[in-house]
């Protein structure tokens, strides 16, 4: 279960998100995730913030992958947002972040969590793919970019 279509729903993808700092980003993505996983947005934001205190999830190139484990989840769940303006994420390359892919995993999803994180990380290190994400005109187009290879591979 590391296909994007398994962890990312079309309604969990947004573009033009306005946030002025990392905390606002976490609050926004937590609100989206709360609707999907039926959990309190405040709890999700707190978990993301606690994980972030261990080290920035901004891994360079304007990309961040905040992640956390949460009790009661049935499966790994993702949220992707493209910010209207990049924000400081204390990323390893000190560049501001405009692409954020959040992952929430069940507390007992050790290997599954790591595989999902690795898949997202691999995809978001592809410079050509990042250009497509930044150029996509709608949330539907963004979702299609993440899942297009899976449809083609399945055929």
Protein backbone atom coordinates (compact mmCIF):
# COMPACT_ATOMS: atom_id res chain seq x y z
CA UNK A 1 0.00 0.00 0.00
CA UNK A 2 2.36 2.69 -1.14
CA UNK A 3 0.55 3.80 -4.29
CA UNK A 4 -0.41 7.45 -4.21
CA UNK A 5 -4.00 6.50 -5.05
CA UNK A 6 -4.10 4.44 -1.82
CA UNK A 7 -2.92 7.25 0.44
CA UNK A 8 -4.10 10.41 -1.33
CA UNK A 9 -7.70 11.25 -2.14
CA UNK A 10 -8.66 13.90 -4.72
CA UNK A 11 -10.28 16.02 -2.00
CA UNK A 12 -6.99 16.03 -0.07
CA UNK A 13 -5.22 18.07 -2.75
CA UNK A 14 -5.32 21.85 -2.78
CA UNK A 15 -3.60 24.65 -4.65
CA UNK A 16 -3.21 28.35 -3.90
CA UNK A 17 -3.21 27.74 -0.15
CA UNK A 18 -2.47 30.91 1.79
CA UNK A 19 -0.32 30.44 4.87
CA UNK A 20 2.20 32.87 6.32
CA UNK A 21 4.29 30.43 8.34
CA UNK A 22 4.86 26.77 9.16
CA UNK A 23 2.32 26.78 11.99
CA UNK A 24 -0.39 28.07 9.63
CA UNK A 25 0.55 25.38 7.09
CA UNK A 26 0.19 22.69 9.77
CA UNK A 27 -3.18 24.07 10.86
CA UNK A 28 -4.43 24.10 7.27
CA UNK A 29 -3.32 20.60 6.36
CA UNK A 30 -4.55 19.30 9.72
CA UNK A 31 -8.01 20.70 8.94
CA UNK A 32 -8.05 18.90 5.58
CA UNK A 33 -6.82 15.66 7.16
CA UNK A 34 -9.33 15.86 10.02
CA UNK A 35 -12.20 15.64 7.52
CA UNK A 36 -10.69 12.54 5.93
CA UNK A 37 -9.62 10.59 9.01
CA UNK A 38 -12.38 11.82 11.33
CA UNK A 39 -9.97 13.11 13.96
CA UNK A 40 -9.60 16.46 15.66
CA UNK A 41 -7.55 18.92 13.56
CA UNK A 42 -5.88 20.29 16.70
CA UNK A 43 -4.54 16.83 17.59
CA UNK A 44 -3.16 16.37 14.07
CA UNK A 45 -1.47 19.80 14.11
CA UNK A 46 0.03 19.03 17.54
CA UNK A 47 1.47 15.72 16.29
CA UNK A 48 2.95 17.39 13.21
CA UNK A 49 4.47 20.14 15.37
CA UNK A 50 5.91 17.61 17.83
CA UNK A 51 7.54 15.68 14.97
CA UNK A 52 8.87 18.91 13.46
CA UNK A 53 10.64 19.74 16.73
CA UNK A 54 12.85 16.70 16.12
CA UNK A 55 14.07 18.29 12.89
CA UNK A 56 12.65 20.10 9.90
CA UNK A 57 10.71 18.02 7.39
CA UNK A 58 11.66 20.56 4.73
CA UNK A 59 14.13 18.48 2.75
CA UNK A 60 15.09 20.98 0.06
CA UNK A 61 14.00 22.25 -3.31
CA UNK A 62 10.94 23.98 -1.83
CA UNK A 63 9.45 20.70 -0.59
CA UNK A 64 8.39 19.53 2.88
CA UNK A 65 6.96 16.20 4.00
CA UNK A 66 5.58 16.70 7.49
CA UNK A 67 4.48 13.40 8.99
CA UNK A 68 3.17 11.88 12.19
CA UNK A 69 1.63 8.75 13.61
CA UNK A 70 -1.88 8.86 14.96
CA UNK A 71 -3.98 6.44 17.01
CA UNK A 72 -7.08 5.06 15.37
CA UNK A 73 -6.04 5.43 11.74
CA UNK A 74 -6.89 2.54 9.43
CA UNK A 75 -4.22 3.35 6.82
CA UNK A 76 -1.58 5.85 5.74
CA UNK A 77 -3.29 9.06 4.66
CA UNK A 78 -1.81 11.95 2.73
CA UNK A 79 -2.63 15.58 2.07
CA UNK A 80 -0.90 17.65 -0.60
CA UNK A 81 -0.97 21.44 -0.82
CA UNK A 82 0.72 23.92 -3.10
CA UNK A 83 1.13 27.19 -1.26
CA UNK A 84 0.35 30.54 -2.90
CA UNK A 85 3.57 31.92 -1.39
CA UNK A 86 6.51 29.89 -0.11
CA UNK A 87 7.09 29.93 3.65
CA UNK A 88 10.17 29.42 5.80
CA UNK A 89 10.37 25.78 6.93
CA UNK A 90 13.96 25.78 8.21
CA UNK A 91 14.64 23.37 5.34
CA UNK A 92 18.06 21.76 4.96
CA UNK A 93 18.87 24.06 2.02
CA UNK A 94 17.36 27.14 3.74
CA UNK A 95 14.98 27.65 0.80
CA UNK A 96 11.33 28.43 1.56
CA UNK A 97 8.75 25.70 0.95
CA UNK A 98 5.81 25.89 -1.47
CA UNK A 99 5.00 22.16 -1.89
CA UNK A 100 3.84 20.24 1.17
CA UNK A 101 2.92 16.54 1.26
CA UNK A 102 1.73 15.50 4.72
CA UNK A 103 1.56 11.86 5.78
CA UNK A 104 -0.36 10.45 8.72
CA UNK A 105 0.15 6.81 9.65
CA UNK A 106 -1.36 4.43 12.19
CA UNK A 107 0.80 4.18 15.32
CA UNK A 108 1.67 0.54 14.54
CA UNK A 109 2.52 1.11 10.86
CA UNK A 110 6.29 0.90 11.12
CA UNK A 111 7.37 -0.51 7.75
CA UNK A 112 4.29 0.75 5.92
CA UNK A 113 4.93 4.28 7.21
CA UNK A 114 8.56 4.15 6.10
CA UNK A 115 7.66 2.80 2.65
CA UNK A 116 5.06 5.53 2.14
CA UNK A 117 7.52 8.19 3.28
CA UNK A 118 10.18 6.80 0.94
CA UNK A 119 7.78 6.76 -2.02
CA UNK A 120 6.70 10.36 -1.43
CA UNK A 121 10.29 11.46 -0.91
CA UNK A 122 11.49 9.75 -4.10
CA UNK A 123 8.71 11.34 -6.15
CA UNK A 124 9.32 14.80 -4.72
CA UNK A 125 13.04 14.68 -5.44
CA UNK A 126 12.32 14.48 -9.19
CA UNK A 127 12.96 18.02 -10.50
CA UNK A 128 10.85 17.50 -13.63
CA UNK A 129 7.95 16.27 -11.52
CA UNK A 130 8.26 19.30 -9.21
CA UNK A 131 8.05 21.61 -12.24
CA UNK A 132 4.84 19.86 -13.30
CA UNK A 133 3.40 20.24 -9.78
CA UNK A 134 4.23 23.94 -9.76
CA UNK A 135 2.70 24.41 -13.21
CA UNK A 136 -0.52 22.42 -12.69
CA UNK A 137 -3.60 24.59 -12.89
CA UNK A 138 -5.98 22.79 -10.54
CA UNK A 139 -6.20 20.33 -7.65
CA UNK A 140 -7.50 17.71 -10.11
CA UNK A 141 -4.42 18.20 -12.29
CA UNK A 142 -2.16 17.85 -9.25
CA UNK A 143 -3.91 14.65 -8.18
CA UNK A 144 -3.60 13.28 -11.72
CA UNK A 145 0.14 13.94 -11.69
CA UNK A 146 0.59 11.87 -8.54
CA UNK A 147 -1.54 8.95 -9.76
CA UNK A 148 -0.89 8.94 -13.54
CA UNK A 149 2.03 6.48 -13.42
CA UNK A 150 0.00 4.04 -11.34
CA UNK A 151 -2.80 3.92 -13.92
CA UNK A 152 -0.27 3.42 -16.70
CA UNK A 153 1.61 0.73 -14.73
CA UNK A 154 -1.61 -1.14 -14.01
CA UNK A 155 -2.58 -1.30 -17.69
